[in-house]
């Protein structure tokens, strides 16, 4: 992702893949029994994935609004 910022199609694809990963991650996090040492890290990983998806959506769709105006 970080080396292909000028390829919006690739950014959009990985952003939507991350949305699926976020939904599945939070579903697994709240549906599974907590493991003492991994609870914090799993939650942190889910939130990092949310931020990553937001960045990918930004880089994927940032030129779409400029072309529409």
N, C-alpha and C. Protein backbone atom coordinates (compact mmCIF):
# COMPACT_ATOMS: atom_id res chain seq x y z
N UNK A 1 0.81 -1.19 0.00
CA UNK A 1 0.00 0.00 0.00
C UNK A 1 0.86 1.26 0.00
N UNK A 2 1.90 1.30 0.78
CA UNK A 2 2.67 2.52 0.93
C UNK A 2 3.49 2.85 -0.30
N UNK A 3 3.72 1.89 -1.17
CA UNK A 3 4.53 2.13 -2.35
C UNK A 3 3.68 2.32 -3.60
N UNK A 4 2.38 2.21 -3.48
CA UNK A 4 1.49 2.33 -4.64
C UNK A 4 0.43 3.40 -4.39
N UNK A 5 0.85 4.55 -3.89
CA UNK A 5 -0.11 5.61 -3.58
C UNK A 5 -0.72 6.23 -4.83
N UNK A 6 -0.09 6.06 -5.98
CA UNK A 6 -0.61 6.63 -7.21
C UNK A 6 -1.49 5.64 -7.98
N UNK A 7 -1.85 4.52 -7.37
CA UNK A 7 -2.72 3.52 -8.00
C UNK A 7 -4.02 3.42 -7.19
N UNK A 8 -5.01 4.27 -7.50
CA UNK A 8 -6.24 4.29 -6.69
C UNK A 8 -7.03 2.99 -6.76
N UNK A 9 -6.95 2.27 -7.88
CA UNK A 9 -7.67 1.01 -7.96
C UNK A 9 -7.16 -0.01 -6.96
N UNK A 10 -5.86 -0.06 -6.80
CA UNK A 10 -5.24 -0.96 -5.84
C UNK A 10 -5.59 -0.54 -4.41
N UNK A 11 -5.58 0.74 -4.15
CA UNK A 11 -5.93 1.26 -2.83
C UNK A 11 -7.38 0.91 -2.48
N UNK A 12 -8.30 1.08 -3.45
CA UNK A 12 -9.71 0.77 -3.21
C UNK A 12 -9.89 -0.70 -2.91
N UNK A 13 -9.22 -1.55 -3.67
CA UNK A 13 -9.34 -2.99 -3.48
C UNK A 13 -8.90 -3.39 -2.08
N UNK A 14 -7.74 -2.92 -1.66
CA UNK A 14 -7.24 -3.29 -0.33
C UNK A 14 -8.04 -2.62 0.78
N UNK A 15 -8.62 -1.46 0.52
CA UNK A 15 -9.47 -0.83 1.52
C UNK A 15 -10.71 -1.69 1.80
N UNK A 16 -11.33 -2.20 0.74
CA UNK A 16 -12.51 -3.05 0.93
C UNK A 16 -12.14 -4.38 1.55
N UNK A 17 -10.97 -4.91 1.23
CA UNK A 17 -10.50 -6.13 1.90
C UNK A 17 -10.31 -5.86 3.39
N UNK A 18 -9.79 -4.69 3.73
CA UNK A 18 -9.62 -4.34 5.14
C UNK A 18 -10.95 -4.15 5.85
N UNK A 19 -11.97 -3.67 5.15
CA UNK A 19 -13.29 -3.56 5.77
C UNK A 19 -13.79 -4.94 6.17
N UNK A 20 -13.61 -5.91 5.29
CA UNK A 20 -14.01 -7.28 5.62
C UNK A 20 -13.19 -7.80 6.80
N UNK A 21 -11.89 -7.50 6.81
CA UNK A 21 -11.03 -7.94 7.91
C UNK A 21 -11.43 -7.27 9.23
N UNK A 22 -11.83 -6.01 9.17
CA UNK A 22 -12.25 -5.30 10.38
C UNK A 22 -13.54 -5.90 10.93
N UNK A 23 -14.51 -6.14 10.05
CA UNK A 23 -15.78 -6.73 10.49
C UNK A 23 -15.52 -8.11 11.10
N UNK A 24 -14.74 -8.93 10.41
CA UNK A 24 -14.44 -10.26 10.92
C UNK A 24 -13.64 -10.17 12.22
N UNK A 25 -12.70 -9.25 12.28
CA UNK A 25 -11.86 -9.12 13.48
C UNK A 25 -12.65 -8.72 14.70
N UNK A 26 -13.54 -7.74 14.58
CA UNK A 26 -14.33 -7.34 15.73
C UNK A 26 -15.36 -8.42 16.09
N UNK A 27 -15.89 -9.10 15.08
CA UNK A 27 -16.82 -10.19 15.35
C UNK A 27 -16.11 -11.29 16.14
N UNK A 28 -14.91 -11.64 15.72
CA UNK A 28 -14.14 -12.67 16.43
C UNK A 28 -13.72 -12.18 17.81
N UNK A 29 -13.37 -10.91 17.92
CA UNK A 29 -12.91 -10.36 19.20
C UNK A 29 -14.02 -10.41 20.24
N UNK A 30 -15.22 -9.97 19.87
CA UNK A 30 -16.31 -9.94 20.83
C UNK A 30 -17.03 -11.27 20.95
N UNK A 31 -16.85 -12.19 20.00
CA UNK A 31 -17.52 -13.48 20.06
C UNK A 31 -16.69 -14.57 20.72
N UNK A 32 -15.40 -14.38 20.80
CA UNK A 32 -14.52 -15.42 21.36
C UNK A 32 -14.26 -15.15 22.84
N UNK A 33 -13.87 -16.19 23.52
CA UNK A 33 -13.49 -16.03 24.92
C UNK A 33 -12.14 -15.30 24.98
N UNK A 34 -12.00 -14.31 25.84
CA UNK A 34 -10.75 -13.56 25.90
C UNK A 34 -9.58 -14.41 26.43
N UNK A 35 -8.45 -14.22 25.81
CA UNK A 35 -7.21 -14.84 26.28
C UNK A 35 -6.42 -13.74 26.98
N UNK A 36 -5.98 -14.01 28.17
CA UNK A 36 -5.43 -12.97 29.05
C UNK A 36 -4.35 -12.11 28.38
N UNK A 37 -3.33 -12.70 27.82
CA UNK A 37 -2.22 -11.92 27.28
C UNK A 37 -2.49 -11.34 25.90
N UNK A 38 -3.43 -11.90 25.18
CA UNK A 38 -3.66 -11.46 23.80
C UNK A 38 -4.82 -10.48 23.65
N UNK A 39 -5.57 -10.27 24.70
CA UNK A 39 -6.76 -9.43 24.63
C UNK A 39 -6.42 -8.01 24.14
N UNK A 40 -5.45 -7.38 24.74
CA UNK A 40 -5.07 -6.01 24.38
C UNK A 40 -4.50 -5.95 22.97
N UNK A 41 -3.64 -6.91 22.63
CA UNK A 41 -3.01 -6.89 21.31
C UNK A 41 -4.00 -7.15 20.19
N UNK A 42 -4.97 -8.00 20.42
CA UNK A 42 -5.97 -8.28 19.39
C UNK A 42 -6.85 -7.06 19.16
N UNK A 43 -7.22 -6.39 20.24
CA UNK A 43 -8.03 -5.18 20.11
C UNK A 43 -7.22 -4.08 19.42
N UNK A 44 -5.96 -3.93 19.77
CA UNK A 44 -5.10 -2.94 19.14
C UNK A 44 -4.95 -3.23 17.64
N UNK A 45 -4.78 -4.49 17.29
CA UNK A 45 -4.67 -4.87 15.89
C UNK A 45 -5.94 -4.53 15.12
N UNK A 46 -7.09 -4.72 15.74
CA UNK A 46 -8.35 -4.36 15.08
C UNK A 46 -8.42 -2.86 14.80
N UNK A 47 -8.04 -2.04 15.77
CA UNK A 47 -8.12 -0.58 15.59
C UNK A 47 -7.07 -0.07 14.62
N UNK A 48 -5.91 -0.70 14.59
CA UNK A 48 -4.89 -0.33 13.59
C UNK A 48 -5.41 -0.66 12.20
N UNK A 49 -6.11 -1.76 12.06
CA UNK A 49 -6.69 -2.12 10.77
C UNK A 49 -7.77 -1.14 10.34
N UNK A 50 -8.52 -0.59 11.28
CA UNK A 50 -9.51 0.44 10.96
C UNK A 50 -8.80 1.68 10.41
N UNK A 51 -7.73 2.11 11.07
CA UNK A 51 -6.98 3.28 10.59
C UNK A 51 -6.36 3.02 9.22
N UNK A 52 -5.85 1.82 9.01
CA UNK A 52 -5.28 1.47 7.72
C UNK A 52 -6.33 1.50 6.63
N UNK A 53 -7.51 0.99 6.90
CA UNK A 53 -8.59 1.03 5.91
C UNK A 53 -8.99 2.46 5.59
N UNK A 54 -9.04 3.33 6.60
CA UNK A 54 -9.38 4.74 6.35
C UNK A 54 -8.33 5.41 5.46
N UNK A 55 -7.07 5.13 5.73
CA UNK A 55 -6.01 5.69 4.88
C UNK A 55 -6.12 5.18 3.44
N UNK A 56 -6.41 3.91 3.29
CA UNK A 56 -6.54 3.35 1.95
C UNK A 56 -7.74 3.93 1.22
N UNK A 57 -8.84 4.14 1.92
CA UNK A 57 -9.99 4.79 1.29
C UNK A 57 -9.63 6.22 0.87
N UNK A 58 -8.89 6.92 1.71
CA UNK A 58 -8.48 8.28 1.36
C UNK A 58 -7.64 8.28 0.08
N UNK A 59 -6.60 7.45 0.04
CA UNK A 59 -5.74 7.42 -1.13
C UNK A 59 -6.43 6.82 -2.34
N UNK A 60 -7.43 5.99 -2.14
CA UNK A 60 -8.15 5.41 -3.26
C UNK A 60 -9.18 6.33 -3.88
N UNK A 61 -9.81 7.15 -3.06
CA UNK A 61 -10.91 7.99 -3.54
C UNK A 61 -10.61 9.48 -3.51
N UNK A 62 -9.39 9.88 -3.23
CA UNK A 62 -9.10 11.31 -3.08
C UNK A 62 -9.25 12.08 -4.38
N UNK A 63 -8.99 11.47 -5.52
CA UNK A 63 -9.13 12.16 -6.80
C UNK A 63 -10.54 12.07 -7.36
N UNK A 64 -11.37 11.23 -6.83
CA UNK A 64 -12.73 11.07 -7.34
C UNK A 64 -13.55 12.34 -7.11
N UNK A 65 -13.36 13.03 -6.00
CA UNK A 65 -14.13 14.24 -5.73
C UNK A 65 -13.62 15.42 -6.55
N UNK A 66 -12.33 15.45 -6.86
CA UNK A 66 -11.78 16.53 -7.66
C UNK A 66 -12.28 16.46 -9.10
N UNK A 67 -12.46 15.26 -9.63
CA UNK A 67 -12.92 15.10 -10.99
C UNK A 67 -14.40 15.40 -11.13
N UNK A 68 -15.17 15.21 -10.07
CA UNK A 68 -16.61 15.42 -10.12
C UNK A 68 -16.98 16.89 -10.08
N UNK A 69 -16.11 17.75 -9.59
CA UNK A 69 -16.45 19.17 -9.45
C UNK A 69 -16.34 19.91 -10.75
